[in-house]
Amino acid sequence: MAAVALPRSRLSRGQQIDAVWGYLFVAAPLLGFLIFAAGPLVASLFLSFTEWNLLSDPEWVGLENWRKLLFDDPIVWQAMGNTAFLLLGIPISMAIALFLASMMNQPVPGSHVFRVIYYMPTVLTIAALSLLWLWVLNPDYGLFNNGLRSLGMPAAWTRLNWWQDRNLVKPAFIIMGIWRGVGYQALVYLAALQGVQRTLYEAAEIDGANAWQKFWAVTWPALTPTTFFLLITALIGGFQIFVEPAIMTNGGPANASITMVMLIWKKAFRDFAMGYASAQAWLLGVIIMTITIANFLLARRWVFTEQE
């Protein structure tokens, strides 16, 4: 028996128009990525093997930039250490955010006002926040030190020079970062808390679970995808911190607050060592990518999904 040829399904004119518009909407961000991200990305990889001062043609130097970067430039690892130290504020901020979200999730009058108050630092510009915190932690007339004086604290505690003490400058940035980001994280946690099914809590109560057991068995598993999202985005953002130390301390004192992105910027646009800065940028990118991939692999062990 001869095979019967089935008619090809044709798109209607309306479906064809929808498809064209769909391709156009997809093409816009794709072209933006190719022009403004993929092109510079490939170019920076090439430049990392060259010496280029932005004025003359790039000169190929092979692995010299990478050898200097990995073995002969201690400030690179100091900047990387400073950046890693600042990341210690991420788990602290997330823990505080979860606590605040739990409080705001209670049926208490006026809780919506607190949501606005906690979120306000997130919408302010980083430059304005930097100037604000320069005043808050000023050793002479700052709000923090004046508060300690009003409590009768010893003079040594009331004249702490947060921004000029190499032992205090990084904790000061951590405090500032927590204050700035905890509101956003709290609202994200709050949205996740409000999505937990109440029937799960009721079932746990029937089984005789106390408050801690309900949190650990019901709330936390439901929050692990949100926690994973906040952790990944906070880590990526934390590795790219630049504006705050650039405005407030210029990386000082004695490079105690210089971050990796700030070092890259200085090498590229102050010293005009664009090739060496490109190598530094690729080193940072590889570190961020490695940590992100590791987190995604480890997430299988602690991030719970609805299917599980």
C-alpha atoms as a PDB file:
ATOM      1  CA  MET A   1       0.000   0.000   0.000  1.00  0.00           C
ATOM      2  CA  ALA A   2       1.369   3.392  -0.946  1.00  0.00           C
ATOM      3  CA  ALA A   3       2.135   5.714   1.912  1.00  0.00           C
ATOM      4  CA  VAL A   4      -0.295   8.540   2.323  1.00  0.00           C
ATOM      5  CA  ALA A   5       1.395  11.932   2.423  1.00  0.00           C
ATOM      6  CA  LEU A   6       0.107  14.008   5.297  1.00  0.00           C
ATOM      7  CA  PRO A   7      -0.454  17.682   4.579  1.00  0.00           C
ATOM      8  CA  ARG A   8       2.025  20.011   6.193  1.00  0.00           C
ATOM      9  CA  SER A   9       0.642  22.127   8.954  1.00  0.00           C
ATOM     10  CA  ARG A  10       0.817  25.765   7.974  1.00  0.00           C
ATOM     11  CA  LEU A  11       0.821  28.709  10.330  1.00  0.00           C
ATOM     12  CA  SER A  12      -2.014  31.124   9.937  1.00  0.00           C
ATOM     13  CA  ARG A  13      -1.235  34.714   9.069  1.00  0.00           C
ATOM     14  CA  GLY A  14      -1.845  35.767  12.671  1.00  0.00           C
ATOM     15  CA  GLN A  15       0.513  33.073  13.952  1.00  0.00           C
ATOM     16  CA  GLN A  16       3.165  34.139  11.439  1.00  0.00           C
ATOM     17  CA  ILE A  17       2.917  37.735  12.632  1.00  0.00           C
ATOM     18  CA  ASP A  18       3.177  36.575  16.247  1.00  0.00           C
ATOM     19  CA  ALA A  19       6.233  34.504  15.368  1.00  0.00           C
ATOM     20  CA  VAL A  20       7.913  37.487  13.679  1.00  0.00           C
ATOM     21  CA  TRP A  21       7.266  39.673  16.704  1.00  0.00           C
ATOM     22  CA  GLY A  22       8.562  36.918  18.952  1.00  0.00           C
ATOM     23  CA  TYR A  23      11.826  36.703  16.983  1.00  0.00           C
ATOM     24  CA  LEU A  24      12.177  40.486  17.079  1.00  0.00           C
ATOM     25  CA  PHE A  25      11.752  40.580  20.852  1.00  0.00           C
ATOM     26  CA  VAL A  26      14.298  37.793  21.224  1.00  0.00           C
ATOM     27  CA  ALA A  27      16.681  39.473  18.792  1.00  0.00           C
ATOM     28  CA  ALA A  28      16.858  42.731  20.771  1.00  0.00           C
ATOM     29  CA  PRO A  29      18.491  41.328  23.951  1.00  0.00           C
ATOM     30  CA  LEU A  30      20.488  38.835  21.863  1.00  0.00           C
ATOM     31  CA  LEU A  31      21.999  41.620  19.756  1.00  0.00           C
ATOM     32  CA  GLY A  32      22.593  43.637  22.902  1.00  0.00           C
ATOM     33  CA  PHE A  33      24.485  40.728  24.423  1.00  0.00           C
ATOM     34  CA  LEU A  34      26.551  40.106  21.272  1.00  0.00           C
ATOM     35  CA  ILE A  35      27.457  43.780  20.850  1.00  0.00           C
ATOM     36  CA  PHE A  36      27.884  44.956  24.442  1.00  0.00           C
ATOM     37  CA  ALA A  37      28.898  41.738  26.254  1.00  0.00           C
ATOM     38  CA  ALA A  38      30.148  38.933  24.012  1.00  0.00           C
ATOM     39  CA  GLY A  39      32.326  41.198  21.859  1.00  0.00           C
ATOM     40  CA  PRO A  40      34.071  42.948  24.777  1.00  0.00           C
ATOM     41  CA  LEU A  41      34.374  39.585  26.540  1.00  0.00           C
ATOM     42  CA  VAL A  42      36.310  38.033  23.684  1.00  0.00           C
ATOM     43  CA  ALA A  43      38.327  41.228  23.207  1.00  0.00           C
ATOM     44  CA  SER A  44      39.294  41.326  26.887  1.00  0.00           C
ATOM     45  CA  LEU A  45      40.497  37.722  26.707  1.00  0.00           C
ATOM     46  CA  PHE A  46      42.739  38.637  23.783  1.00  0.00           C
ATOM     47  CA  LEU A  47      43.948  41.793  25.553  1.00  0.00           C
ATOM     48  CA  SER A  48      44.879  39.787  28.656  1.00  0.00           C
ATOM     49  CA  PHE A  49      47.799  38.412  26.619  1.00  0.00           C
ATOM     50  CA  THR A  50      48.926  41.837  25.445  1.00  0.00           C
ATOM     51  CA  GLU A  51      50.378  45.077  26.738  1.00  0.00           C
ATOM     52  CA  TRP A  52      48.130  47.984  25.768  1.00  0.00           C
ATOM     53  CA  ASN A  53      48.023  51.562  27.045  1.00  0.00           C
ATOM     54  CA  LEU A  54      44.882  52.609  25.094  1.00  0.00           C
ATOM     55  CA  LEU A  55      46.958  54.927  22.865  1.00  0.00           C
ATOM     56  CA  SER A  56      49.195  52.602  20.858  1.00  0.00           C
ATOM     57  CA  ASP A  57      48.496  49.229  19.288  1.00  0.00           C
ATOM     58  CA  PRO A  58      48.337  46.209  21.625  1.00  0.00           C
ATOM     59  CA  GLU A  59      51.656  44.358  21.891  1.00  0.00           C
ATOM     60  CA  TRP A  60      51.545  40.592  22.358  1.00  0.00           C
ATOM     61  CA  VAL A  61      53.313  39.481  25.547  1.00  0.00           C
ATOM     62  CA  GLY A  62      51.930  35.974  25.896  1.00  0.00           C
ATOM     63  CA  LEU A  63      51.509  34.754  29.481  1.00  0.00           C
ATOM     64  CA  GLU A  64      53.523  37.598  31.024  1.00  0.00           C
ATOM     65  CA  ASN A  65      50.441  39.330  32.445  1.00  0.00           C
ATOM     66  CA  TRP A  66      49.229  36.089  33.964  1.00  0.00           C
ATOM     67  CA  ARG A  67      52.641  35.257  35.434  1.00  0.00           C
ATOM     68  CA  LYS A  68      52.839  38.684  37.046  1.00  0.00           C
ATOM     69  CA  LEU A  69      49.235  38.453  38.198  1.00  0.00           C
ATOM     70  CA  LEU A  70      49.583  35.073  39.885  1.00  0.00           C
ATOM     71  CA  PHE A  71      53.108  35.260  41.264  1.00  0.00           C
ATOM     72  CA  ASP A  72      54.580  38.783  41.315  1.00  0.00           C
ATOM     73  CA  ASP A  73      51.787  41.150  42.356  1.00  0.00           C
ATOM     74  CA  PRO A  74      50.857  40.829  46.052  1.00  0.00           C
ATOM     75  CA  ILE A  75      48.293  43.646  45.890  1.00  0.00           C
ATOM     76  CA  VAL A  76      46.118  41.425  43.689  1.00  0.00           C
ATOM     77  CA  TRP A  77      45.787  38.854  46.443  1.00  0.00           C
ATOM     78  CA  GLN A  78      45.357  41.588  49.045  1.00  0.00           C
ATOM     79  CA  ALA A  79      42.459  42.973  47.004  1.00  0.00           C
ATOM     80  CA  MET A  80      41.041  39.468  46.617  1.00  0.00           C
ATOM     81  CA  GLY A  81      41.360  38.911  50.371  1.00  0.00           C
ATOM     82  CA  ASN A  82      39.605  42.203  51.108  1.00  0.00           C
ATOM     83  CA  THR A  83      36.801  41.249  48.732  1.00  0.00           C
ATOM     84  CA  ALA A  84      36.451  37.820  50.334  1.00  0.00           C
ATOM     85  CA  PHE A  85      36.379  39.405  53.809  1.00  0.00           C
ATOM     86  CA  LEU A  86      33.520  41.690  52.782  1.00  0.00           C
ATOM     87  CA  LEU A  87      31.560  38.606  51.700  1.00  0.00           C
ATOM     88  CA  LEU A  88      31.355  37.569  55.360  1.00  0.00           C
ATOM     89  CA  GLY A  89      28.482  40.019  55.690  1.00  0.00           C
ATOM     90  CA  ILE A  90      26.299  37.951  53.341  1.00  0.00           C
ATOM     91  CA  PRO A  91      25.266  35.175  55.791  1.00  0.00           C
ATOM     92  CA  ILE A  92      24.815  37.764  58.554  1.00  0.00           C
ATOM     93  CA  SER A  93      22.585  39.871  56.319  1.00  0.00           C
ATOM     94  CA  MET A  94      20.542  36.868  55.209  1.00  0.00           C
ATOM     95  CA  ALA A  95      20.019  35.703  58.792  1.00  0.00           C
ATOM     96  CA  ILE A  96      18.843  39.163  59.856  1.00  0.00           C
ATOM     97  CA  ALA A  97      16.622  39.371  56.778  1.00  0.00           C
ATOM     98  CA  LEU A  98      14.981  36.046  57.589  1.00  0.00           C
ATOM     99  CA  PHE A  99      14.325  37.184  61.155  1.00  0.00           C
ATOM    100  CA  LEU A 100      12.811  40.483  59.973  1.00  0.00           C
ATOM    101  CA  ALA A 101      10.694  38.683  57.388  1.00  0.00           C
ATOM    102  CA  SER A 102       9.372  36.340  60.074  1.00  0.00           C
ATOM    103  CA  MET A 103       8.433  39.335  62.200  1.00  0.00           C
ATOM    104  CA  MET A 104       6.776  41.168  59.302  1.00  0.00           C
ATOM    105  CA  ASN A 105       4.850  38.016  58.420  1.00  0.00           C
ATOM    106  CA  GLN A 106       2.949  38.219  61.702  1.00  0.00           C
ATOM    107  CA  PRO A 107      -0.584  39.705  61.634  1.00  0.00           C
ATOM    108  CA  VAL A 108       0.494  42.870  63.435  1.00  0.00           C
ATOM    109  CA  PRO A 109      -0.985  46.319  62.645  1.00  0.00           C
ATOM    110  CA  GLY A 110       1.486  48.592  60.891  1.00  0.00           C
ATOM    111  CA  SER A 111       3.676  45.815  59.487  1.00  0.00           C
ATOM    112  CA  HIS A 112       3.379  47.370  56.000  1.00  0.00           C
ATOM    113  CA  VAL A 113       5.068  50.519  57.290  1.00  0.00           C
ATOM    114  CA  PHE A 114       8.084  48.516  58.415  1.00  0.00           C
ATOM    115  CA  ARG A 115       8.336  46.927  54.973  1.00  0.00           C
ATOM    116  CA  VAL A 116       8.691  50.381  53.432  1.00  0.00           C
ATOM    117  CA  ILE A 117      11.203  51.503  56.085  1.00  0.00           C
ATOM    118  CA  TYR A 118      13.425  48.447  55.661  1.00  0.00           C
ATOM    119  CA  TYR A 119      13.338  48.693  51.870  1.00  0.00           C
ATOM    120  CA  MET A 120      14.145  52.412  51.618  1.00  0.00           C
ATOM    121  CA  PRO A 121      17.976  52.047  51.673  1.00  0.00           C
ATOM    122  CA  THR A 122      17.734  49.780  48.638  1.00  0.00           C
ATOM    123  CA  VAL A 123      16.281  52.508  46.407  1.00  0.00           C
ATOM    124  CA  LEU A 124      18.762  55.196  47.447  1.00  0.00           C
ATOM    125  CA  THR A 125      21.834  55.815  45.309  1.00  0.00           C
ATOM    126  CA  ILE A 126      25.093  54.294  46.486  1.00  0.00           C
ATOM    127  CA  ALA A 127      26.783  57.698  46.366  1.00  0.00           C
ATOM    128  CA  ALA A 128      24.209  59.179  48.743  1.00  0.00           C
ATOM    129  CA  LEU A 129      24.496  56.208  51.086  1.00  0.00           C
ATOM    130  CA  SER A 130      28.286  56.500  51.062  1.00  0.00           C
ATOM    131  CA  LEU A 131      28.137  60.150  52.126  1.00  0.00           C
ATOM    132  CA  LEU A 132      25.563  59.260  54.784  1.00  0.00           C
ATOM    133  CA  TRP A 133      27.781  56.573  56.296  1.00  0.00           C
ATOM    134  CA  LEU A 134      30.834  58.809  56.159  1.00  0.00           C
ATOM    135  CA  TRP A 135      28.886  61.046  58.531  1.00  0.00           C
ATOM    136  CA  VAL A 136      27.428  58.231  60.679  1.00  0.00           C
ATOM    137  CA  LEU A 137      30.878  56.782  61.434  1.00  0.00           C
ATOM    138  CA  ASN A 138      32.784  60.066  61.577  1.00  0.00           C
ATOM    139  CA  PRO A 139      35.148  59.948  64.602  1.00  0.00           C
ATOM    140  CA  ASP A 140      34.415  63.536  65.727  1.00  0.00           C
ATOM    141  CA  TYR A 141      30.735  64.254  65.120  1.00  0.00           C
ATOM    142  CA  GLY A 142      29.356  60.979  63.760  1.00  0.00           C
ATOM    143  CA  LEU A 143      26.046  59.602  64.954  1.00  0.00           C
ATOM    144  CA  PHE A 144      27.591  56.332  66.110  1.00  0.00           C
ATOM    145  CA  ASN A 145      30.371  57.826  68.220  1.00  0.00           C
ATOM    146  CA  ASN A 146      28.051  60.479  69.663  1.00  0.00           C
ATOM    147  CA  GLY A 147      25.687  57.698  70.665  1.00  0.00           C
ATOM    148  CA  LEU A 148      28.518  55.943  72.491  1.00  0.00           C
ATOM    149  CA  ARG A 149      29.435  59.176  74.259  1.00  0.00           C
ATOM    150  CA  SER A 150      25.856  59.638  75.441  1.00  0.00           C
ATOM    151  CA  LEU A 151      26.016  56.157  76.959  1.00  0.00           C
ATOM    152  CA  GLY A 152      29.123  57.101  78.924  1.00  0.00           C
ATOM    153  CA  MET A 153      31.473  54.767  77.075  1.00  0.00           C
ATOM    154  CA  PRO A 154      35.258  55.220  77.523  1.00  0.00           C
ATOM    155  CA  ALA A 155      36.942  57.829  75.325  1.00  0.00           C
ATOM    156  CA  ALA A 156      38.808  55.146  73.372  1.00  0.00           C
ATOM    157  CA  TRP A 157      35.462  53.774  72.214  1.00  0.00           C
ATOM    158  CA  THR A 158      33.939  57.123  71.318  1.00  0.00           C
ATOM    159  CA  ARG A 159      36.615  58.253  68.858  1.00  0.00           C
ATOM    160  CA  LEU A 160      36.872  55.193  66.643  1.00  0.00           C
ATOM    161  CA  ASN A 161      38.149  56.267  63.243  1.00  0.00           C
ATOM    162  CA  TRP A 162      36.349  53.628  61.218  1.00  0.00           C
ATOM    163  CA  TRP A 163      37.381  54.767  57.760  1.00  0.00           C
ATOM    164  CA  GLN A 164      41.069  55.384  58.539  1.00  0.00           C
ATOM    165  CA  ASP A 165      41.791  52.336  60.701  1.00  0.00           C
ATOM    166  CA  ARG A 166      42.908  49.324  58.676  1.00  0.00           C
ATOM    167  CA  ASN A 167      41.392  47.001  61.295  1.00  0.00           C
ATOM    168  CA  LEU A 168      37.987  48.709  61.293  1.00  0.00           C
ATOM    169  CA  VAL A 169      37.444  49.774  57.691  1.00  0.00           C
ATOM    170  CA  LYS A 170      36.332  46.375  56.392  1.00  0.00           C
ATOM    171  CA  PRO A 171      33.911  45.733  59.314  1.00  0.00           C
ATOM    172  CA  ALA A 172      32.531  49.229  58.656  1.00  0.00           C
ATOM    173  CA  PHE A 173      31.826  48.323  55.032  1.00  0.00           C
ATOM    174  CA  ILE A 174      30.201  45.075  56.165  1.00  0.00           C
ATOM    175  CA  ILE A 175      27.891  46.976  58.543  1.00  0.00           C
ATOM    176  CA  MET A 176      27.012  49.417  55.787  1.00  0.00           C
ATOM    177  CA  GLY A 177      26.360  46.606  53.321  1.00  0.00           C
ATOM    178  CA  ILE A 178      24.082  44.770  55.720  1.00  0.00           C
ATOM    179  CA  TRP A 179      22.095  47.943  56.421  1.00  0.00           C
ATOM    180  CA  ARG A 180      21.728  48.612  52.700  1.00  0.00           C
ATOM    181  CA  GLY A 181      20.772  45.129  51.526  1.00  0.00           C
ATOM    182  CA  VAL A 182      18.821  43.559  54.373  1.00  0.00           C
ATOM    183  CA  GLY A 183      15.544  45.258  53.377  1.00  0.00           C
ATOM    184  CA  TYR A 184      15.522  43.749  49.897  1.00  0.00           C
ATOM    185  CA  GLN A 185      16.397  40.307  51.228  1.00  0.00           C
ATOM    186  CA  ALA A 186      13.732  40.563  53.938  1.00  0.00           C
ATOM    187  CA  LEU A 187      11.014  41.359  51.389  1.00  0.00           C
ATOM    188  CA  VAL A 188      12.069  38.442  49.196  1.00  0.00           C
ATOM    189  CA  TYR A 189      11.982  36.147  52.229  1.00  0.00           C
ATOM    190  CA  LEU A 190       8.601  37.600  53.204  1.00  0.00           C
ATOM    191  CA  ALA A 191       7.166  36.734  49.796  1.00  0.00           C
ATOM    192  CA  ALA A 192       8.483  33.190  50.169  1.00  0.00           C
ATOM    193  CA  LEU A 193       7.056  32.858  53.684  1.00  0.00           C
ATOM    194  CA  GLN A 194       3.640  33.933  52.498  1.00  0.00           C
ATOM    195  CA  GLY A 195       3.777  31.194  49.864  1.00  0.00           C
ATOM    196  CA  VAL A 196       4.165  28.364  52.394  1.00  0.00           C
ATOM    197  CA  GLN A 197       0.978  26.333  52.599  1.00  0.00           C
ATOM    198  CA  ARG A 198      -0.809  26.733  55.928  1.00  0.00           C
ATOM    199  CA  THR A 199      -1.949  23.116  55.788  1.00  0.00           C
ATOM    200  CA  LEU A 200       1.658  22.013  56.312  1.00  0.00           C
ATOM    201  CA  TYR A 201       1.811  23.918  59.591  1.00  0.00           C
ATOM    202  CA  GLU A 202      -1.523  22.467  60.641  1.00  0.00           C
ATOM    203  CA  ALA A 203      -0.298  18.949  59.932  1.00  0.00           C
ATOM    204  CA  ALA A 204       2.871  19.616  61.931  1.00  0.00           C
ATOM    205  CA  GLU A 205       0.831  20.926  64.866  1.00  0.00           C
ATOM    206  CA  ILE A 206      -1.327  17.805  64.795  1.00  0.00           C
ATOM    207  CA  ASP A 207       1.884  15.756  65.027  1.00  0.00           C
ATOM    208  CA  GLY A 208       2.857  17.780  68.098  1.00  0.00           C
ATOM    209  CA  ALA A 209       5.676  19.803  66.567  1.00  0.00           C
ATOM    210  CA  ASN A 210       6.887  22.855  68.476  1.00  0.00           C
ATOM    211  CA  ALA A 211       7.872  26.200  66.917  1.00  0.00           C
ATOM    212  CA  TRP A 212      11.458  25.171  66.154  1.00  0.00           C
ATOM    213  CA  GLN A 213      10.402  21.825  64.695  1.00  0.00           C
ATOM    214  CA  LYS A 214       7.847  23.539  62.453  1.00  0.00           C
ATOM    215  CA  PHE A 215      10.495  25.962  61.239  1.00  0.00           C
ATOM    216  CA  TRP A 216      13.046  23.241  60.536  1.00  0.00           C
ATOM    217  CA  ALA A 217      10.623  20.743  58.965  1.00  0.00           C
ATOM    218  CA  VAL A 218       8.217  23.068  57.144  1.00  0.00           C
ATOM    219  CA  THR A 219       9.492  26.640  56.813  1.00  0.00           C
ATOM    220  CA  TRP A 220      13.156  26.076  56.032  1.00  0.00           C
ATOM    221  CA  PRO A 221      12.648  23.505  53.226  1.00  0.00           C
ATOM    222  CA  ALA A 222      10.193  25.903  51.598  1.00  0.00           C
ATOM    223  CA  LEU A 223      12.713  28.755  51.878  1.00  0.00           C
ATOM    224  CA  THR A 224      15.747  26.930  50.484  1.00  0.00           C
ATOM    225  CA  PRO A 225      15.117  27.967  46.823  1.00  0.00           C
ATOM    226  CA  THR A 226      14.777  31.603  47.938  1.00  0.00           C
ATOM    227  CA  THR A 227      17.884  31.291  50.107  1.00  0.00           C
ATOM    228  CA  PHE A 228      19.804  29.848  47.168  1.00  0.00           C
ATOM    229  CA  PHE A 229      18.703  32.715  44.912  1.00  0.00           C
ATOM    230  CA  LEU A 230      19.700  35.353  47.468  1.00  0.00           C
ATOM    231  CA  LEU A 231      23.025  33.622  48.138  1.00  0.00           C
ATOM    232  CA  ILE A 232      24.015  33.438  44.466  1.00  0.00           C
ATOM    233  CA  THR A 233      23.031  37.015  43.665  1.00  0.00           C
ATOM    234  CA  ALA A 234      24.683  38.349  46.832  1.00  0.00           C
ATOM    235  CA  LEU A 235      27.943  36.506  46.093  1.00  0.00           C
ATOM    236  CA  ILE A 236      28.086  37.781  42.520  1.00  0.00           C
ATOM    237  CA  GLY A 237      27.286  41.320  43.655  1.00  0.00           C
ATOM    238  CA  GLY A 238      29.730  41.116  46.550  1.00  0.00           C
ATOM    239  CA  PHE A 239      32.621  40.195  44.285  1.00  0.00           C
ATOM    240  CA  GLN A 240      31.888  43.315  42.218  1.00  0.00           C
ATOM    241  CA  ILE A 241      31.789  45.901  45.016  1.00  0.00           C
ATOM    242  CA  PHE A 242      33.445  49.082  43.800  1.00  0.00           C
ATOM    243  CA  VAL A 243      31.561  52.343  44.336  1.00  0.00           C
ATOM    244  CA  GLU A 244      31.566  52.413  48.142  1.00  0.00           C
ATOM    245  CA  PRO A 245      35.332  52.039  48.705  1.00  0.00           C
ATOM    246  CA  ALA A 246      36.076  54.248  45.700  1.00  0.00           C
ATOM    247  CA  ILE A 247      34.046  57.120  47.166  1.00  0.00           C
ATOM    248  CA  MET A 248      34.692  56.650  50.864  1.00  0.00           C
ATOM    249  CA  THR A 249      38.283  55.462  51.286  1.00  0.00           C
ATOM    250  CA  ASN A 250      39.840  55.228  47.815  1.00  0.00           C
ATOM    251  CA  GLY A 251      40.936  51.740  48.835  1.00  0.00           C
ATOM    252  CA  GLY A 252      42.789  52.905  51.943  1.00  0.00           C
ATOM    253  CA  PRO A 253      44.191  53.012  54.455  1.00  0.00           C
ATOM    254  CA  ALA A 254      47.237  51.146  53.084  1.00  0.00           C
ATOM    255  CA  ASN A 255      45.029  49.258  50.594  1.00  0.00           C
ATOM    256  CA  ALA A 256      43.045  47.759  53.478  1.00  0.00           C
ATOM    257  CA  SER A 257      39.738  48.334  51.663  1.00  0.00           C
ATOM    258  CA  ILE A 258      40.747  48.043  48.024  1.00  0.00           C
ATOM    259  CA  THR A 259      38.576  45.503  46.228  1.00  0.00           C
ATOM    260  CA  MET A 260      39.289  43.484  43.115  1.00  0.00           C
ATOM    261  CA  VAL A 261      37.034  45.539  40.842  1.00  0.00           C
ATOM    262  CA  MET A 262      38.537  48.749  42.206  1.00  0.00           C
ATOM    263  CA  LEU A 263      42.041  47.425  41.477  1.00  0.00           C
ATOM    264  CA  ILE A 264      40.987  46.511  37.942  1.00  0.00           C
ATOM    265  CA  TRP A 265      39.595  50.013  37.413  1.00  0.00           C
ATOM    266  CA  LYS A 266      42.791  51.646  38.688  1.00  0.00           C
ATOM    267  CA  LYS A 267      45.011  49.509  36.496  1.00  0.00           C
ATOM    268  CA  ALA A 268      42.882  50.161  33.427  1.00  0.00           C
ATOM    269  CA  PHE A 269      41.987  53.848  33.703  1.00  0.00           C
ATOM    270  CA  ARG A 270      44.615  55.298  36.033  1.00  0.00           C
ATOM    271  CA  ASP A 271      47.726  53.344  35.017  1.00  0.00           C
ATOM    272  CA  PHE A 272      46.475  52.661  31.451  1.00  0.00           C
ATOM    273  CA  ALA A 273      47.592  49.029  31.763  1.00  0.00           C
ATOM    274  CA  MET A 274      44.567  47.702  29.903  1.00  0.00           C
ATOM    275  CA  GLY A 275      46.113  44.330  29.095  1.00  0.00           C
ATOM    276  CA  TYR A 276      47.038  43.637  32.704  1.00  0.00           C
ATOM    277  CA  ALA A 277      43.626  44.857  33.879  1.00  0.00           C
ATOM    278  CA  SER A 278      41.971  42.466  31.426  1.00  0.00           C
ATOM    279  CA  ALA A 279      43.898  39.572  32.952  1.00  0.00           C
ATOM    280  CA  GLN A 280      42.753  40.651  36.417  1.00  0.00           C
ATOM    281  CA  ALA A 281      39.170  40.871  35.196  1.00  0.00           C
ATOM    282  CA  TRP A 282      39.342  37.363  33.750  1.00  0.00           C
ATOM    283  CA  LEU A 283      40.800  36.030  36.991  1.00  0.00           C
ATOM    284  CA  LEU A 284      37.882  37.534  38.896  1.00  0.00           C
ATOM    285  CA  GLY A 285      35.410  36.210  36.338  1.00  0.00           C
ATOM    286  CA  VAL A 286      36.801  32.681  36.586  1.00  0.00           C
ATOM    287  CA  ILE A 287      36.583  32.801  40.383  1.00  0.00           C
ATOM    288  CA  ILE A 288      32.967  34.017  40.280  1.00  0.00           C
ATOM    289  CA  MET A 289      32.042  31.387  37.710  1.00  0.00           C
ATOM    290  CA  THR A 290      33.745  28.604  39.687  1.00  0.00           C
ATOM    291  CA  ILE A 291      31.989  29.553  42.927  1.00  0.00           C
ATOM    292  CA  THR A 292      28.640  29.872  41.146  1.00  0.00           C
ATOM    293  CA  ILE A 293      28.956  26.455  39.499  1.00  0.00           C
ATOM    294  CA  ALA A 294      30.042  24.907  42.809  1.00  0.00           C
ATOM    295  CA  ASN A 295      26.990  26.392  44.512  1.00  0.00           C
ATOM    296  CA  PHE A 296      24.691  24.997  41.836  1.00  0.00           C
ATOM    297  CA  LEU A 297      26.235  21.545  42.257  1.00  0.00           C
ATOM    298  CA  LEU A 298      26.013  21.671  46.052  1.00  0.00           C
ATOM    299  CA  ALA A 299      22.456  22.991  45.870  1.00  0.00           C
ATOM    300  CA  ARG A 300      21.234  19.495  45.083  1.00  0.00           C
ATOM    301  CA  ARG A 301      22.030  18.517  48.660  1.00  0.00           C
ATOM    302  CA  TRP A 302      20.145  21.251  50.496  1.00  0.00           C
ATOM    303  CA  VAL A 303      17.737  23.024  48.130  1.00  0.00           C
ATOM    304  CA  PHE A 304      14.291  21.402  48.191  1.00  0.00           C
ATOM    305  CA  THR A 305      11.780  21.681  45.372  1.00  0.00           C
ATOM    306  CA  GLU A 306       8.041  21.136  45.369  1.00  0.00           C
ATOM    307  CA  GLN A 307       8.514  17.783  43.645  1.00  0.00           C
ATOM    308  CA  GLU A 308      10.609  16.583  46.580  1.00  0.00           C
END
